[in-house]
Structure formats: C-alpha cells, structure tokens
PDB file of N, CA and C in Angstrom:
ATOM      1  N   MET A   1       0.823  -1.203   0.000  1.00  0.00           N
ATOM      2  CA  MET A   1       0.000   0.000   0.000  1.00  0.00           C
ATOM      3  C   MET A   1       0.862   1.260   0.000  1.00  0.00           C
ATOM      4  N   ALA A   2       1.880   1.303   0.820  1.00  0.00           N
ATOM      5  CA  ALA A   2       2.732   2.494   0.911  1.00  0.00           C
ATOM      6  C   ALA A   2       3.442   2.775  -0.409  1.00  0.00           C
ATOM      7  N   ALA A   3       3.681   1.735  -1.201  1.00  0.00           N
ATOM      8  CA  ALA A   3       4.358   1.922  -2.485  1.00  0.00           C
ATOM      9  C   ALA A   3       3.497   2.715  -3.460  1.00  0.00           C
ATOM     10  N   ARG A   4       2.194   2.696  -3.270  1.00  0.00           N
ATOM     11  CA  ARG A   4       1.277   3.424  -4.166  1.00  0.00           C
ATOM     12  C   ARG A   4       1.080   4.881  -3.764  1.00  0.00           C
ATOM     13  N   LEU A   5       1.492   5.231  -2.575  1.00  0.00           N
ATOM     14  CA  LEU A   5       1.263   6.582  -2.077  1.00  0.00           C
ATOM     15  C   LEU A   5       1.850   7.671  -2.977  1.00  0.00           C
ATOM     16  N   PRO A   6       3.076   7.546  -3.476  1.00  0.00           N
ATOM     17  CA  PRO A   6       3.594   8.603  -4.366  1.00  0.00           C
ATOM     18  C   PRO A   6       2.714   8.831  -5.592  1.00  0.00           C
ATOM     19  N   PHE A   7       2.184   7.775  -6.189  1.00  0.00           N
ATOM     20  CA  PHE A   7       1.301   7.928  -7.341  1.00  0.00           C
ATOM     21  C   PHE A   7       0.059   8.738  -6.978  1.00  0.00           C
ATOM     22  N   TYR A   8      -0.568   8.382  -5.856  1.00  0.00           N
ATOM     23  CA  TYR A   8      -1.784   9.084  -5.450  1.00  0.00           C
ATOM     24  C   TYR A   8      -1.485  10.529  -5.077  1.00  0.00           C
ATOM     25  N   ARG A   9      -0.327  10.789  -4.495  1.00  0.00           N
ATOM     26  CA  ARG A   9       0.045  12.157  -4.149  1.00  0.00           C
ATOM     27  C   ARG A   9       0.199  13.003  -5.412  1.00  0.00           C
ATOM     28  N   VAL A  10       0.864  12.442  -6.428  1.00  0.00           N
ATOM     29  CA  VAL A  10       1.021  13.160  -7.703  1.00  0.00           C
ATOM     30  C   VAL A  10      -0.337  13.392  -8.357  1.00  0.00           C
ATOM     31  N   ALA A  11      -1.188  12.376  -8.355  1.00  0.00           N
ATOM     32  CA  ALA A  11      -2.516  12.516  -8.958  1.00  0.00           C
ATOM     33  C   ALA A  11      -3.326  13.589  -8.243  1.00  0.00           C
ATOM     34  N   TRP A  12      -3.286  13.613  -6.910  1.00  0.00           N
ATOM     35  CA  TRP A  12      -4.041  14.598  -6.151  1.00  0.00           C
ATOM     36  C   TRP A  12      -3.519  16.005  -6.421  1.00  0.00           C
ATOM     37  N   LEU A  13      -2.195  16.174  -6.430  1.00  0.00           N
ATOM     38  CA  LEU A  13      -1.616  17.486  -6.698  1.00  0.00           C
ATOM     39  C   LEU A  13      -1.973  17.971  -8.101  1.00  0.00           C
ATOM     40  N   ALA A  14      -1.939  17.075  -9.082  1.00  0.00           N
ATOM     41  CA  ALA A  14      -2.285  17.450 -10.453  1.00  0.00           C
ATOM     42  C   ALA A  14      -3.763  17.842 -10.548  1.00  0.00           C
ATOM     43  N   PHE A  15      -4.627  17.102  -9.872  1.00  0.00           N
ATOM     44  CA  PHE A  15      -6.047  17.441  -9.856  1.00  0.00           C
ATOM     45  C   PHE A  15      -6.266  18.812  -9.242  1.00  0.00           C
ATOM     46  N   ARG A  16      -5.652  19.073  -8.098  1.00  0.00           N
ATOM     47  CA  ARG A  16      -5.820  20.362  -7.417  1.00  0.00           C
ATOM     48  C   ARG A  16      -5.269  21.508  -8.262  1.00  0.00           C
ATOM     49  N   LEU A  17      -4.143  21.272  -8.926  1.00  0.00           N
ATOM     50  CA  LEU A  17      -3.578  22.300  -9.795  1.00  0.00           C
ATOM     51  C   LEU A  17      -4.556  22.636 -10.922  1.00  0.00           C
ATOM     52  N   GLY A  18      -5.122  21.622 -11.545  1.00  0.00           N
ATOM     53  CA  GLY A  18      -6.095  21.843 -12.612  1.00  0.00           C
ATOM     54  C   GLY A  18      -7.332  22.559 -12.118  1.00  0.00           C
ATOM     55  N   TYR A  19      -7.837  22.163 -10.961  1.00  0.00           N
ATOM     56  CA  TYR A  19      -9.013  22.807 -10.378  1.00  0.00           C
ATOM     57  C   TYR A  19      -8.743  24.283 -10.110  1.00  0.00           C
ATOM     58  N   CYS A  20      -7.605  24.565  -9.493  1.00  0.00           N
ATOM     59  CA  CYS A  20      -7.262  25.953  -9.168  1.00  0.00           C
ATOM     60  C   CYS A  20      -7.045  26.777 -10.433  1.00  0.00           C
ATOM     61  N   HIS A  21      -6.475  26.171 -11.441  1.00  0.00           N
ATOM     62  CA  HIS A  21      -6.255  26.886 -12.700  1.00  0.00           C
ATOM     63  C   HIS A  21      -7.590  27.281 -13.345  1.00  0.00           C
ATOM     64  N   LEU A  22      -8.533  26.348 -13.383  1.00  0.00           N
ATOM     65  CA  LEU A  22      -9.850  26.651 -13.949  1.00  0.00           C
ATOM     66  C   LEU A  22     -10.578  27.712 -13.125  1.00  0.00           C
ATOM     67  N   ALA A  23     -10.480  27.610 -11.804  1.00  0.00           N
ATOM     68  CA  ALA A  23     -11.121  28.599 -10.942  1.00  0.00           C
ATOM     69  C   ALA A  23     -10.491  29.974 -11.148  1.00  0.00           C
ATOM     70  N   ARG A  24      -9.165  30.008 -11.263  1.00  0.00           N
ATOM     71  CA  ARG A  24      -8.462  31.269 -11.476  1.00  0.00           C
ATOM     72  C   ARG A  24      -8.925  31.923 -12.770  1.00  0.00           C
ATOM     73  N   GLN A  25      -9.062  31.130 -13.820  1.00  0.00           N
ATOM     74  CA  GLN A  25      -9.531  31.674 -15.099  1.00  0.00           C
ATOM     75  C   GLN A  25     -10.954  32.201 -14.992  1.00  0.00           C
ATOM     76  N   ALA A  26     -11.813  31.485 -14.299  1.00  0.00           N
ATOM     77  CA  ALA A  26     -13.207  31.882 -14.180  1.00  0.00           C
ATOM     78  C   ALA A  26     -13.373  33.143 -13.337  1.00  0.00           C
ATOM     79  N   LEU A  27     -12.508  33.314 -12.335  1.00  0.00           N
ATOM     80  CA  LEU A  27     -12.668  34.430 -11.407  1.00  0.00           C
ATOM     81  C   LEU A  27     -11.895  35.677 -11.813  1.00  0.00           C
ATOM     82  N   GLY A  28     -10.982  35.541 -12.747  1.00  0.00           N
ATOM     83  CA  GLY A  28     -10.261  36.703 -13.264  1.00  0.00           C
ATOM     84  C   GLY A  28      -9.464  37.440 -12.211  1.00  0.00           C
ATOM     85  N   ASP A  29      -9.582  38.762 -12.212  1.00  0.00           N
ATOM     86  CA  ASP A  29      -8.781  39.609 -11.336  1.00  0.00           C
ATOM     87  C   ASP A  29      -9.436  39.908  -9.994  1.00  0.00           C
ATOM     88  N   SER A  30     -10.422  39.144  -9.625  1.00  0.00           N
ATOM     89  CA  SER A  30     -11.081  39.357  -8.331  1.00  0.00           C
ATOM     90  C   SER A  30     -10.158  38.900  -7.199  1.00  0.00           C
ATOM     91  N   GLY A  31     -10.573  39.158  -5.994  1.00  0.00           N
ATOM     92  CA  GLY A  31      -9.804  38.711  -4.829  1.00  0.00           C
ATOM     93  C   GLY A  31      -9.667  37.198  -4.782  1.00  0.00           C
ATOM     94  N   ASP A  32     -10.762  36.514  -5.089  1.00  0.00           N
ATOM     95  CA  ASP A  32     -10.704  35.053  -5.119  1.00  0.00           C
ATOM     96  C   ASP A  32      -9.814  34.561  -6.255  1.00  0.00           C
ATOM     97  N   GLY A  33      -9.836  35.266  -7.384  1.00  0.00           N
ATOM     98  CA  GLY A  33      -8.956  34.908  -8.489  1.00  0.00           C
ATOM     99  C   GLY A  33      -7.493  34.992  -8.076  1.00  0.00           C
ATOM    100  N   ALA A  34      -7.152  36.019  -7.308  1.00  0.00           N
ATOM    101  CA  ALA A  34      -5.773  36.166  -6.813  1.00  0.00           C
ATOM    102  C   ALA A  34      -5.422  35.028  -5.859  1.00  0.00           C
ATOM    103  N   ARG A  35      -6.369  34.639  -5.034  1.00  0.00           N
ATOM    104  CA  ARG A  35      -6.118  33.523  -4.109  1.00  0.00           C
ATOM    105  C   ARG A  35      -5.859  32.235  -4.878  1.00  0.00           C
ATOM    106  N   PHE A  36      -6.658  31.989  -5.912  1.00  0.00           N
ATOM    107  CA  PHE A  36      -6.443  30.782  -6.707  1.00  0.00           C
ATOM    108  C   PHE A  36      -5.142  30.862  -7.508  1.00  0.00           C
ATOM    109  N   ARG A  37      -4.718  32.049  -7.889  1.00  0.00           N
ATOM    110  CA  ARG A  37      -3.433  32.211  -8.577  1.00  0.00           C
ATOM    111  C   ARG A  37      -2.298  31.785  -7.654  1.00  0.00           C
ATOM    112  N   ARG A  38      -2.370  32.191  -6.394  1.00  0.00           N
ATOM    113  CA  ARG A  38      -1.342  31.785  -5.417  1.00  0.00           C
ATOM    114  C   ARG A  38      -1.386  30.280  -5.175  1.00  0.00           C
ATOM    115  N   LEU A  39      -2.603  29.728  -5.093  1.00  0.00           N
ATOM    116  CA  LEU A  39      -2.720  28.278  -4.908  1.00  0.00           C
ATOM    117  C   LEU A  39      -2.140  27.522  -6.099  1.00  0.00           C
ATOM    118  N   CYS A  40      -2.338  28.034  -7.313  1.00  0.00           N
ATOM    119  CA  CYS A  40      -1.765  27.402  -8.506  1.00  0.00           C
ATOM    120  C   CYS A  40      -0.252  27.328  -8.384  1.00  0.00           C
ATOM    121  N   ALA A  41       0.354  28.423  -7.994  1.00  0.00           N
ATOM    122  CA  ALA A  41       1.813  28.446  -7.861  1.00  0.00           C
ATOM    123  C   ALA A  41       2.269  27.447  -6.801  1.00  0.00           C
ATOM    124  N   ARG A  42       1.543  27.372  -5.698  1.00  0.00           N
ATOM    125  CA  ARG A  42       1.919  26.451  -4.623  1.00  0.00           C
ATOM    126  C   ARG A  42       1.786  24.990  -5.056  1.00  0.00           C
ATOM    127  N   TYR A  43       0.656  24.656  -5.687  1.00  0.00           N
ATOM    128  CA  TYR A  43       0.472  23.273  -6.141  1.00  0.00           C
ATOM    129  C   TYR A  43       1.461  22.912  -7.247  1.00  0.00           C
ATOM    130  N   ALA A  44       1.763  23.837  -8.136  1.00  0.00           N
ATOM    131  CA  ALA A  44       2.734  23.567  -9.204  1.00  0.00           C
ATOM    132  C   ALA A  44       4.115  23.287  -8.611  1.00  0.00           C
ATOM    133  N   ALA A  45       4.516  24.067  -7.619  1.00  0.00           N
ATOM    134  CA  ALA A  45       5.819  23.851  -6.976  1.00  0.00           C
ATOM    135  C   ALA A  45       5.853  22.503  -6.269  1.00  0.00           C
ATOM    136  N   ARG A  46       4.785  22.169  -5.561  1.00  0.00           N
ATOM    137  CA  ARG A  46       4.735  20.877  -4.871  1.00  0.00           C
ATOM    138  C   ARG A  46       4.754  19.716  -5.863  1.00  0.00           C
ATOM    139  N   LEU A  47       4.052  19.867  -6.976  1.00  0.00           N
ATOM    140  CA  LEU A  47       4.017  18.815  -7.992  1.00  0.00           C
ATOM    141  C   LEU A  47       5.399  18.627  -8.612  1.00  0.00           C
ATOM    142  N   ARG A  48       6.084  19.744  -8.914  1.00  0.00           N
ATOM    143  CA  ARG A  48       7.449  19.637  -9.457  1.00  0.00           C
ATOM    144  C   ARG A  48       8.372  18.917  -8.483  1.00  0.00           C
ATOM    145  N   ARG A  49       8.284  19.252  -7.200  1.00  0.00           N
ATOM    146  CA  ARG A  49       9.124  18.570  -6.202  1.00  0.00           C
ATOM    147  C   ARG A  49       8.787  17.084  -6.136  1.00  0.00           C
ATOM    148  N   GLU A  50       7.512  16.783  -6.186  1.00  0.00           N
ATOM    149  CA  GLU A  50       7.078  15.378  -6.052  1.00  0.00           C
ATOM    150  C   GLU A  50       7.588  14.509  -7.205  1.00  0.00           C
ATOM    151  N   VAL A  51       7.616  15.059  -8.395  1.00  0.00           N
ATOM    152  CA  VAL A  51       8.074  14.262  -9.546  1.00  0.00           C
ATOM    153  C   VAL A  51       9.573  14.439  -9.804  1.00  0.00           C
ATOM    154  N   GLY A  52      10.237  15.206  -8.940  1.00  0.00           N
ATOM    155  CA  GLY A  52      11.695  15.318  -9.023  1.00  0.00           C
ATOM    156  C   GLY A  52      12.214  16.356  -9.996  1.00  0.00           C
ATOM    157  N   HIS A  53      11.435  17.387 -10.260  1.00  0.00           N
ATOM    158  CA  HIS A  53      11.860  18.447 -11.175  1.00  0.00           C
ATOM    159  C   HIS A  53      11.953  19.782 -10.470  1.00  0.00           C
ATOM    160  N   GLY A  54      12.423  19.789  -9.272  1.00  0.00           N
ATOM    161  CA  GLY A  54      12.501  21.076  -8.600  1.00  0.00           C
ATOM    162  C   GLY A  54      12.854  20.880  -7.205  1.00  0.00           C
TER     163      GLY A  54
END
C-alpha cells in the first residue's frame, strides 16, 4: 500500500492544480482569483518537487 502513495500524491496534486487553474480563469482579477493564482503556484511547486523536477 505504501508503495502506491507517491502515485496518489502526484494525482491529487495534479487534480488540485487543474481545479485551481480553472477557478483562477473563471474568477479573473477578483480577490478570489488572486487567491487561486497563489494556490496554482503552490500546487505547481509541490508537484514539481514530487516528480523530481525542482
């Protein structure tokens, strides 16, 4: 079971990144849009670290 954890972590991070990206686009320059922009950057950085590219 523990061997599968990295796969699920990458899948979850990729899902969250996609969700935040779509929300950011939909909300534009609003306050919530800015929050989702920051979340996108955070999830992208975590995803890069998880797959070994950062």
